[in-house]
Amino acid sequence: MKKRVLLFTLFFSAYGAMAQCTPDGSLTVPDIYPPAGSTVNADSTVNLPDGAIDSFYDQVIQVVIPSDTSITFLGSTVTATVDSFRLETINNIPPGLSYSCDNPSCNWAGGTNGCVRIFGTPTGPVQTYPLGVDIRAFLKVLAIPIDTIQSENRFKIQINNAVSLAERQDVTVRLFPNPASDYVQVELGNLSGQDVEWVVIDLSGRTVQEGEFVHVPGNVNRLELNPSANGIYLLKLATDRGTLTRRLTLHD
């Protein structure tokens, strides 16, 4: 019984760590930074990378919280000190997706960095989802605390039909050895020859290694690995036809 409880605890601890993201400390200008692959429209709305039904989605939005901000107070524009910002909710997120932050309360002190991870497997329907992001700001003006809600409505996610690679039930992926140490071999079955990009992601959502290879039907592809730490990782394989993700355990 104790062993089962321990395994249960370890599983959810690993899941919680995997769901978190890591703030990018190199960003210093207060702003919201969409992930790579996003596009900005003429009306300043931001299209986050597209998702596809039945394909794992994983994107991280970086934020830098200002130390102060300008607000209207008693009819005048004044400078308010930022105590903290807290993400209250993300409305209209596509079905099958969830979000998490680098801390459990999604709360960031003024002048600090944070991040929000949007992840999961979309279930549809196919459409564009405008996200409603509600942020509570805790401010001070002349030592007077102010609590206000701000709504951020410029982000969108387009969910498309299932990509052909995910639709083909006969496409197989085999990783060996798994657990692996300095290399892993990838065997793709029932897939035509094409370029394949691969990414190793750690449980905090960070990319730790990436590369590409040309898949030739019948061949086994060897990926050289340089893990910085033992543990569970995700190996994402992407072609112009879709993406597959498999769990990979690495050890010395």
C-alpha atoms as a PDB file:
ATOM      1  CA  MET A   1       0.000   0.000   0.000  1.00  0.00           C
ATOM      2  CA  LYS A   2       2.823   2.417   0.890  1.00  0.00           C
ATOM      3  CA  LYS A   3       4.497   1.661  -2.425  1.00  0.00           C
ATOM      4  CA  ARG A   4       1.306   2.427  -4.339  1.00  0.00           C
ATOM      5  CA  VAL A   5       0.874   5.718  -2.497  1.00  0.00           C
ATOM      6  CA  LEU A   6       4.506   6.630  -3.214  1.00  0.00           C
ATOM      7  CA  LEU A   7       4.108   5.882  -6.918  1.00  0.00           C
ATOM      8  CA  PHE A   8       0.898   7.906  -6.992  1.00  0.00           C
ATOM      9  CA  THR A   9       2.668  10.855  -5.361  1.00  0.00           C
ATOM     10  CA  LEU A  10       5.659  10.637  -7.681  1.00  0.00           C
ATOM     11  CA  PHE A  11       3.403  10.528 -10.738  1.00  0.00           C
ATOM     12  CA  PHE A  12       1.539  13.693  -9.858  1.00  0.00           C
ATOM     13  CA  SER A  13       4.724  15.447  -8.742  1.00  0.00           C
ATOM     14  CA  ALA A  14       6.252  14.708 -12.145  1.00  0.00           C
ATOM     15  CA  TYR A  15       3.074  15.849 -13.900  1.00  0.00           C
ATOM     16  CA  GLY A  16       3.062  19.109 -11.964  1.00  0.00           C
ATOM     17  CA  ALA A  17       6.698  19.778 -12.832  1.00  0.00           C
ATOM     18  CA  MET A  18       6.037  18.972 -16.472  1.00  0.00           C
ATOM     19  CA  ALA A  19       3.098  21.386 -16.579  1.00  0.00           C
ATOM     20  CA  GLN A  20       5.222  24.304 -15.377  1.00  0.00           C
ATOM     21  CA  CYS A  21       7.314  26.602 -17.549  1.00  0.00           C
ATOM     22  CA  THR A  22      10.567  28.468 -16.897  1.00  0.00           C
ATOM     23  CA  PRO A  23      10.777  32.293 -17.029  1.00  0.00           C
ATOM     24  CA  ASP A  24      13.281  33.744 -19.495  1.00  0.00           C
ATOM     25  CA  GLY A  25      15.550  35.921 -17.364  1.00  0.00           C
ATOM     26  CA  SER A  26      17.170  37.468 -20.449  1.00  0.00           C
ATOM     27  CA  LEU A  27      14.002  39.508 -21.091  1.00  0.00           C
ATOM     28  CA  THR A  28      14.108  42.830 -19.240  1.00  0.00           C
ATOM     29  CA  VAL A  29      11.594  45.162 -20.923  1.00  0.00           C
ATOM     30  CA  PRO A  30       8.107  44.924 -19.357  1.00  0.00           C
ATOM     31  CA  ASP A  31       5.825  43.283 -21.914  1.00  0.00           C
ATOM     32  CA  ILE A  32       4.114  40.056 -22.957  1.00  0.00           C
ATOM     33  CA  TYR A  33       6.286  37.930 -25.263  1.00  0.00           C
ATOM     34  CA  PRO A  34       4.465  35.411 -27.499  1.00  0.00           C
ATOM     35  CA  PRO A  35       6.257  32.164 -28.430  1.00  0.00           C
ATOM     36  CA  ALA A  36       8.227  31.739 -31.636  1.00  0.00           C
ATOM     37  CA  GLY A  37       5.968  31.105 -34.603  1.00  0.00           C
ATOM     38  CA  SER A  38       3.384  33.679 -33.527  1.00  0.00           C
ATOM     39  CA  THR A  39       2.235  36.371 -35.956  1.00  0.00           C
ATOM     40  CA  VAL A  40       1.049  39.906 -35.209  1.00  0.00           C
ATOM     41  CA  ASN A  41      -1.898  41.243 -37.209  1.00  0.00           C
ATOM     42  CA  ALA A  42      -2.451  44.823 -38.361  1.00  0.00           C
ATOM     43  CA  ASP A  43      -4.903  45.350 -35.488  1.00  0.00           C
ATOM     44  CA  SER A  44      -2.189  44.255 -32.982  1.00  0.00           C
ATOM     45  CA  THR A  45      -3.916  40.953 -32.232  1.00  0.00           C
ATOM     46  CA  VAL A  46      -1.499  38.049 -31.915  1.00  0.00           C
ATOM     47  CA  ASN A  47      -2.000  34.669 -33.553  1.00  0.00           C
ATOM     48  CA  LEU A  48      -0.298  32.066 -31.393  1.00  0.00           C
ATOM     49  CA  PRO A  49       1.031  28.989 -33.247  1.00  0.00           C
ATOM     50  CA  ASP A  50      -1.778  26.877 -34.711  1.00  0.00           C
ATOM     51  CA  GLY A  51      -2.879  23.647 -33.076  1.00  0.00           C
ATOM     52  CA  ALA A  52      -4.389  20.513 -34.593  1.00  0.00           C
ATOM     53  CA  ILE A  53      -6.976  18.098 -33.280  1.00  0.00           C
ATOM     54  CA  ASP A  54      -5.375  15.026 -31.627  1.00  0.00           C
ATOM     55  CA  SER A  55      -1.843  16.510 -31.802  1.00  0.00           C
ATOM     56  CA  PHE A  56      -0.094  17.629 -28.604  1.00  0.00           C
ATOM     57  CA  TYR A  57       0.113  21.416 -28.276  1.00  0.00           C
ATOM     58  CA  ASP A  58       2.767  23.100 -26.118  1.00  0.00           C
ATOM     59  CA  GLN A  59       3.563  26.822 -26.190  1.00  0.00           C
ATOM     60  CA  VAL A  60       5.005  29.191 -23.585  1.00  0.00           C
ATOM     61  CA  ILE A  61       4.237  32.910 -23.255  1.00  0.00           C
ATOM     62  CA  GLN A  62       6.865  34.935 -21.400  1.00  0.00           C
ATOM     63  CA  VAL A  63       5.973  37.999 -19.314  1.00  0.00           C
ATOM     64  CA  VAL A  64       7.986  40.770 -17.685  1.00  0.00           C
ATOM     65  CA  ILE A  65       6.057  42.593 -14.950  1.00  0.00           C
ATOM     66  CA  PRO A  66       6.635  46.372 -14.693  1.00  0.00           C
ATOM     67  CA  SER A  67       7.757  47.976 -11.448  1.00  0.00           C
ATOM     68  CA  ASP A  68       5.361  50.880 -11.975  1.00  0.00           C
ATOM     69  CA  THR A  69       2.664  51.974 -14.389  1.00  0.00           C
ATOM     70  CA  SER A  70       0.568  55.022 -15.255  1.00  0.00           C
ATOM     71  CA  ILE A  71      -3.102  55.032 -14.226  1.00  0.00           C
ATOM     72  CA  THR A  72      -5.937  57.520 -13.864  1.00  0.00           C
ATOM     73  CA  PHE A  73      -6.495  58.277 -10.183  1.00  0.00           C
ATOM     74  CA  LEU A  74      -9.010  60.862  -8.951  1.00  0.00           C
ATOM     75  CA  GLY A  75      -9.167  62.371 -12.427  1.00  0.00           C
ATOM     76  CA  SER A  76      -5.410  62.690 -12.870  1.00  0.00           C
ATOM     77  CA  THR A  77      -2.755  60.544 -14.521  1.00  0.00           C
ATOM     78  CA  VAL A  78      -0.352  59.332 -11.845  1.00  0.00           C
ATOM     79  CA  THR A  79       2.414  56.765 -11.480  1.00  0.00           C
ATOM     80  CA  ALA A  80       1.400  53.707  -9.476  1.00  0.00           C
ATOM     81  CA  THR A  81       3.823  51.250  -7.912  1.00  0.00           C
ATOM     82  CA  VAL A  82       3.179  47.659  -8.962  1.00  0.00           C
ATOM     83  CA  ASP A  83       2.958  45.329  -5.997  1.00  0.00           C
ATOM     84  CA  SER A  84       2.089  42.307  -8.152  1.00  0.00           C
ATOM     85  CA  PHE A  85       0.117  40.991 -11.118  1.00  0.00           C
ATOM     86  CA  ARG A  86      -1.952  37.814 -10.910  1.00  0.00           C
ATOM     87  CA  LEU A  87      -3.396  35.821 -13.791  1.00  0.00           C
ATOM     88  CA  GLU A  88      -7.011  35.150 -12.820  1.00  0.00           C
ATOM     89  CA  THR A  89      -8.145  33.054 -15.771  1.00  0.00           C
ATOM     90  CA  ILE A  90      -7.872  32.445 -19.502  1.00  0.00           C
ATOM     91  CA  ASN A  91     -11.336  32.311 -21.046  1.00  0.00           C
ATOM     92  CA  ASN A  92     -12.308  30.584 -24.290  1.00  0.00           C
ATOM     93  CA  ILE A  93      -9.233  28.351 -24.307  1.00  0.00           C
ATOM     94  CA  PRO A  94      -9.665  25.586 -26.923  1.00  0.00           C
ATOM     95  CA  PRO A  95     -11.207  22.354 -25.559  1.00  0.00           C
ATOM     96  CA  GLY A  96      -8.497  19.899 -24.559  1.00  0.00           C
ATOM     97  CA  LEU A  97      -5.981  22.608 -23.673  1.00  0.00           C
ATOM     98  CA  SER A  98      -5.007  23.809 -20.205  1.00  0.00           C
ATOM     99  CA  TYR A  99      -2.669  26.444 -18.864  1.00  0.00           C
ATOM    100  CA  SER A 100      -0.223  26.699 -15.978  1.00  0.00           C
ATOM    101  CA  CYS A 101       2.340  29.189 -14.730  1.00  0.00           C
ATOM    102  CA  ASP A 102       5.844  28.995 -13.330  1.00  0.00           C
ATOM    103  CA  ASN A 103       4.293  29.242  -9.855  1.00  0.00           C
ATOM    104  CA  PRO A 104       1.074  27.647  -8.537  1.00  0.00           C
ATOM    105  CA  SER A 105      -0.742  30.942  -7.882  1.00  0.00           C
ATOM    106  CA  CYS A 106       0.135  32.574 -11.240  1.00  0.00           C
ATOM    107  CA  ASN A 107       1.229  35.629  -9.251  1.00  0.00           C
ATOM    108  CA  TRP A 108       4.274  37.770 -10.060  1.00  0.00           C
ATOM    109  CA  ALA A 109       5.789  40.622  -8.072  1.00  0.00           C
ATOM    110  CA  GLY A 110       6.490  43.924  -9.790  1.00  0.00           C
ATOM    111  CA  GLY A 111       9.794  43.947 -11.668  1.00  0.00           C
ATOM    112  CA  THR A 112      10.013  40.158 -12.018  1.00  0.00           C
ATOM    113  CA  ASN A 113       9.766  37.656 -14.870  1.00  0.00           C
ATOM    114  CA  GLY A 114       7.151  34.956 -15.310  1.00  0.00           C
ATOM    115  CA  CYS A 115       5.628  32.680 -17.902  1.00  0.00           C
ATOM    116  CA  VAL A 116       2.407  30.922 -18.863  1.00  0.00           C
ATOM    117  CA  ARG A 117       2.355  27.542 -20.571  1.00  0.00           C
ATOM    118  CA  ILE A 118      -0.600  26.529 -22.782  1.00  0.00           C
ATOM    119  CA  PHE A 119      -0.575  22.805 -23.430  1.00  0.00           C
ATOM    120  CA  GLY A 120      -2.659  19.729 -24.095  1.00  0.00           C
ATOM    121  CA  THR A 121      -4.275  17.846 -26.963  1.00  0.00           C
ATOM    122  CA  PRO A 122      -6.997  19.816 -28.777  1.00  0.00           C
ATOM    123  CA  THR A 123     -10.290  17.994 -29.314  1.00  0.00           C
ATOM    124  CA  GLY A 124     -11.970  20.554 -31.565  1.00  0.00           C
ATOM    125  CA  PRO A 125     -14.101  21.923 -33.044  1.00  0.00           C
ATOM    126  CA  VAL A 126     -12.028  23.500 -35.809  1.00  0.00           C
ATOM    127  CA  GLN A 127     -12.133  27.284 -35.424  1.00  0.00           C
ATOM    128  CA  THR A 128     -10.260  30.353 -34.201  1.00  0.00           C
ATOM    129  CA  TYR A 129     -10.376  30.860 -30.436  1.00  0.00           C
ATOM    130  CA  PRO A 130      -9.938  34.467 -29.208  1.00  0.00           C
ATOM    131  CA  LEU A 131      -8.517  34.160 -25.700  1.00  0.00           C
ATOM    132  CA  GLY A 132      -9.809  36.355 -22.898  1.00  0.00           C
ATOM    133  CA  VAL A 133      -7.000  36.832 -20.378  1.00  0.00           C
ATOM    134  CA  ASP A 134      -8.032  38.401 -17.063  1.00  0.00           C
ATOM    135  CA  ILE A 135      -5.200  39.875 -14.992  1.00  0.00           C
ATOM    136  CA  ARG A 136      -5.616  41.356 -11.522  1.00  0.00           C
ATOM    137  CA  ALA A 137      -3.217  44.196 -10.760  1.00  0.00           C
ATOM    138  CA  PHE A 138      -2.323  45.081  -7.181  1.00  0.00           C
ATOM    139  CA  LEU A 139      -1.061  48.680  -7.202  1.00  0.00           C
ATOM    140  CA  LYS A 140      -0.236  51.473  -4.777  1.00  0.00           C
ATOM    141  CA  VAL A 141      -0.650  55.216  -5.226  1.00  0.00           C
ATOM    142  CA  LEU A 142       0.655  57.349  -2.355  1.00  0.00           C
ATOM    143  CA  ALA A 143       0.569  54.229  -0.154  1.00  0.00           C
ATOM    144  CA  ILE A 144      -3.105  53.693  -1.069  1.00  0.00           C
ATOM    145  CA  PRO A 145      -3.675  50.101  -2.273  1.00  0.00           C
ATOM    146  CA  ILE A 146      -5.584  49.699  -5.533  1.00  0.00           C
ATOM    147  CA  ASP A 147      -6.980  46.412  -6.822  1.00  0.00           C
ATOM    148  CA  THR A 148      -8.066  46.361 -10.454  1.00  0.00           C
ATOM    149  CA  ILE A 149      -8.871  43.794 -13.159  1.00  0.00           C
ATOM    150  CA  GLN A 150      -7.431  44.176 -16.649  1.00  0.00           C
ATOM    151  CA  SER A 151      -8.617  42.145 -19.643  1.00  0.00           C
ATOM    152  CA  GLU A 152      -6.159  41.196 -22.384  1.00  0.00           C
ATOM    153  CA  ASN A 153      -8.006  40.159 -25.552  1.00  0.00           C
ATOM    154  CA  ARG A 154      -5.391  40.218 -28.278  1.00  0.00           C
ATOM    155  CA  PHE A 155      -4.359  36.545 -28.356  1.00  0.00           C
ATOM    156  CA  LYS A 156      -5.887  33.932 -30.664  1.00  0.00           C
ATOM    157  CA  ILE A 157      -5.323  30.218 -31.296  1.00  0.00           C
ATOM    158  CA  GLN A 158      -6.428  28.539 -34.515  1.00  0.00           C
ATOM    159  CA  ILE A 159      -7.294  24.845 -34.139  1.00  0.00           C
ATOM    160  CA  ASN A 160      -7.162  22.917 -37.414  1.00  0.00           C
ATOM    161  CA  ASN A 161      -8.236  19.466 -38.511  1.00  0.00           C
ATOM    162  CA  ALA A 162      -6.125  16.522 -37.406  1.00  0.00           C
ATOM    163  CA  VAL A 163      -2.903  16.452 -39.404  1.00  0.00           C
ATOM    164  CA  SER A 164      -2.386  13.563 -41.772  1.00  0.00           C
ATOM    165  CA  LEU A 165       0.414  12.016 -39.717  1.00  0.00           C
ATOM    166  CA  ALA A 166      -1.866  11.753 -36.691  1.00  0.00           C
ATOM    167  CA  GLU A 167      -4.727  10.440 -38.831  1.00  0.00           C
ATOM    168  CA  ARG A 168      -2.683   7.507 -40.120  1.00  0.00           C
ATOM    169  CA  GLN A 169      -3.158   4.845 -37.494  1.00  0.00           C
ATOM    170  CA  ASP A 170      -0.538   2.630 -39.187  1.00  0.00           C
ATOM    171  CA  VAL A 171       2.308   5.100 -38.561  1.00  0.00           C
ATOM    172  CA  THR A 172       4.437   3.714 -35.732  1.00  0.00           C
ATOM    173  CA  VAL A 173       7.278   5.098 -33.633  1.00  0.00           C
ATOM    174  CA  ARG A 174       9.709   2.927 -31.702  1.00  0.00           C
ATOM    175  CA  LEU A 175      12.459   4.312 -29.450  1.00  0.00           C
ATOM    176  CA  PHE A 176      15.313   2.109 -28.275  1.00  0.00           C
ATOM    177  CA  PRO A 177      17.031   1.874 -25.950  1.00  0.00           C
ATOM    178  CA  ASN A 178      14.542   3.564 -23.641  1.00  0.00           C
ATOM    179  CA  PRO A 179      15.777   4.388 -20.972  1.00  0.00           C
ATOM    180  CA  ALA A 180      18.685   5.822 -22.959  1.00  0.00           C
ATOM    181  CA  SER A 181      21.970   7.507 -22.103  1.00  0.00           C
ATOM    182  CA  ASP A 182      24.075   9.102 -24.840  1.00  0.00           C
ATOM    183  CA  TYR A 183      21.928   8.137 -27.829  1.00  0.00           C
ATOM    184  CA  VAL A 184      18.527   6.814 -28.842  1.00  0.00           C
ATOM    185  CA  GLN A 185      17.469   5.119 -32.058  1.00  0.00           C
ATOM    186  CA  VAL A 186      14.199   6.099 -33.706  1.00  0.00           C
ATOM    187  CA  GLU A 187      12.367   3.677 -35.947  1.00  0.00           C
ATOM    188  CA  LEU A 188       9.459   5.096 -37.947  1.00  0.00           C
ATOM    189  CA  GLY A 189       7.137   2.634 -39.612  1.00  0.00           C
ATOM    190  CA  ASN A 190       4.818   3.187 -42.583  1.00  0.00           C
ATOM    191  CA  LEU A 191       6.052   6.709 -43.223  1.00  0.00           C
ATOM    192  CA  SER A 192       7.409   7.932 -46.553  1.00  0.00           C
ATOM    193  CA  GLY A 193      10.863   9.470 -46.875  1.00  0.00           C
ATOM    194  CA  GLN A 194      10.982  13.065 -45.631  1.00  0.00           C
ATOM    195  CA  ASP A 195      12.804  15.509 -43.363  1.00  0.00           C
ATOM    196  CA  VAL A 196      12.103  15.078 -39.650  1.00  0.00           C
ATOM    197  CA  GLU A 197      12.842  17.707 -37.004  1.00  0.00           C
ATOM    198  CA  TRP A 198      13.289  16.478 -33.441  1.00  0.00           C
ATOM    199  CA  VAL A 199      13.236  18.274 -30.099  1.00  0.00           C
ATOM    200  CA  VAL A 200      13.998  16.993 -26.591  1.00  0.00           C
ATOM    201  CA  ILE A 201      11.951  18.860 -23.948  1.00  0.00           C
ATOM    202  CA  ASP A 202      12.526  18.598 -20.209  1.00  0.00           C
ATOM    203  CA  LEU A 203       9.782  18.506 -17.574  1.00  0.00           C
ATOM    204  CA  SER A 204       9.854  22.282 -17.139  1.00  0.00           C
ATOM    205  CA  GLY A 205       8.945  22.738 -20.791  1.00  0.00           C
ATOM    206  CA  ARG A 206      12.394  23.899 -21.908  1.00  0.00           C
ATOM    207  CA  THR A 207      14.016  22.724 -25.122  1.00  0.00           C
ATOM    208  CA  VAL A 208      17.290  21.049 -24.130  1.00  0.00           C
ATOM    209  CA  GLN A 209      18.346  19.669 -27.503  1.00  0.00           C
ATOM    210  CA  GLU A 210      17.128  19.697 -31.085  1.00  0.00           C
ATOM    211  CA  GLY A 211      18.129  18.572 -34.540  1.00  0.00           C
ATOM    212  CA  GLU A 212      16.871  16.998 -37.739  1.00  0.00           C
ATOM    213  CA  PHE A 213      17.375  13.950 -39.908  1.00  0.00           C
ATOM    214  CA  VAL A 214      16.202  12.620 -43.254  1.00  0.00           C
ATOM    215  CA  HIS A 215      13.922   9.645 -42.768  1.00  0.00           C
ATOM    216  CA  VAL A 216      14.445   6.819 -45.252  1.00  0.00           C
ATOM    217  CA  PRO A 217      11.823   4.051 -45.068  1.00  0.00           C
ATOM    218  CA  GLY A 218      13.314   0.942 -43.481  1.00  0.00           C
ATOM    219  CA  ASN A 219      16.226   2.792 -41.872  1.00  0.00           C
ATOM    220  CA  VAL A 220      16.782   3.352 -38.155  1.00  0.00           C
ATOM    221  CA  ASN A 221      17.746   6.904 -37.193  1.00  0.00           C
ATOM    222  CA  ARG A 222      20.300   7.437 -34.409  1.00  0.00           C
ATOM    223  CA  LEU A 223      20.048  10.613 -32.327  1.00  0.00           C
ATOM    224  CA  GLU A 224      23.085  11.630 -30.273  1.00  0.00           C
ATOM    225  CA  LEU A 225      22.008  12.916 -26.854  1.00  0.00           C
ATOM    226  CA  ASN A 226      23.667  15.160 -24.272  1.00  0.00           C
ATOM    227  CA  PRO A 227      21.298  15.191 -21.297  1.00  0.00           C
ATOM    228  CA  SER A 228      22.177  17.707 -18.586  1.00  0.00           C
ATOM    229  CA  ALA A 229      20.385  15.646 -15.939  1.00  0.00           C
ATOM    230  CA  ASN A 230      18.781  12.259 -15.505  1.00  0.00           C
ATOM    231  CA  GLY A 231      15.014  12.136 -15.739  1.00  0.00           C
ATOM    232  CA  ILE A 232      11.950  11.979 -17.932  1.00  0.00           C
ATOM    233  CA  TYR A 233      11.872  14.003 -21.146  1.00  0.00           C
ATOM    234  CA  LEU A 234       9.594  14.363 -24.161  1.00  0.00           C
ATOM    235  CA  LEU A 235      10.880  13.647 -27.661  1.00  0.00           C
ATOM    236  CA  LYS A 236       8.878  15.552 -30.265  1.00  0.00           C
ATOM    237  CA  LEU A 237       9.153  14.449 -33.907  1.00  0.00           C
ATOM    238  CA  ALA A 238       7.821  16.857 -36.529  1.00  0.00           C
ATOM    239  CA  THR A 239       7.466  16.725 -40.308  1.00  0.00           C
ATOM    240  CA  ASP A 240       5.542  18.917 -42.725  1.00  0.00           C
ATOM    241  CA  ARG A 241       2.683  16.433 -42.253  1.00  0.00           C
ATOM    242  CA  GLY A 242       2.358  16.520 -38.488  1.00  0.00           C
ATOM    243  CA  THR A 243       3.884  15.966 -35.059  1.00  0.00           C
ATOM    244  CA  LEU A 244       4.253  12.979 -32.755  1.00  0.00           C
ATOM    245  CA  THR A 245       5.462  13.104 -29.141  1.00  0.00           C
ATOM    246  CA  ARG A 246       6.882  10.218 -27.128  1.00  0.00           C
ATOM    247  CA  ARG A 247       8.206   9.975 -23.565  1.00  0.00           C
ATOM    248  CA  LEU A 248      11.931   9.303 -23.203  1.00  0.00           C
ATOM    249  CA  THR A 249      13.836   8.438 -20.026  1.00  0.00           C
ATOM    250  CA  LEU A 250      17.496   9.511 -19.891  1.00  0.00           C
ATOM    251  CA  HIS A 251      20.204   8.430 -17.453  1.00  0.00           C
ATOM    252  CA  ASP A 252      24.007   8.415 -17.237  1.00  0.00           C
END
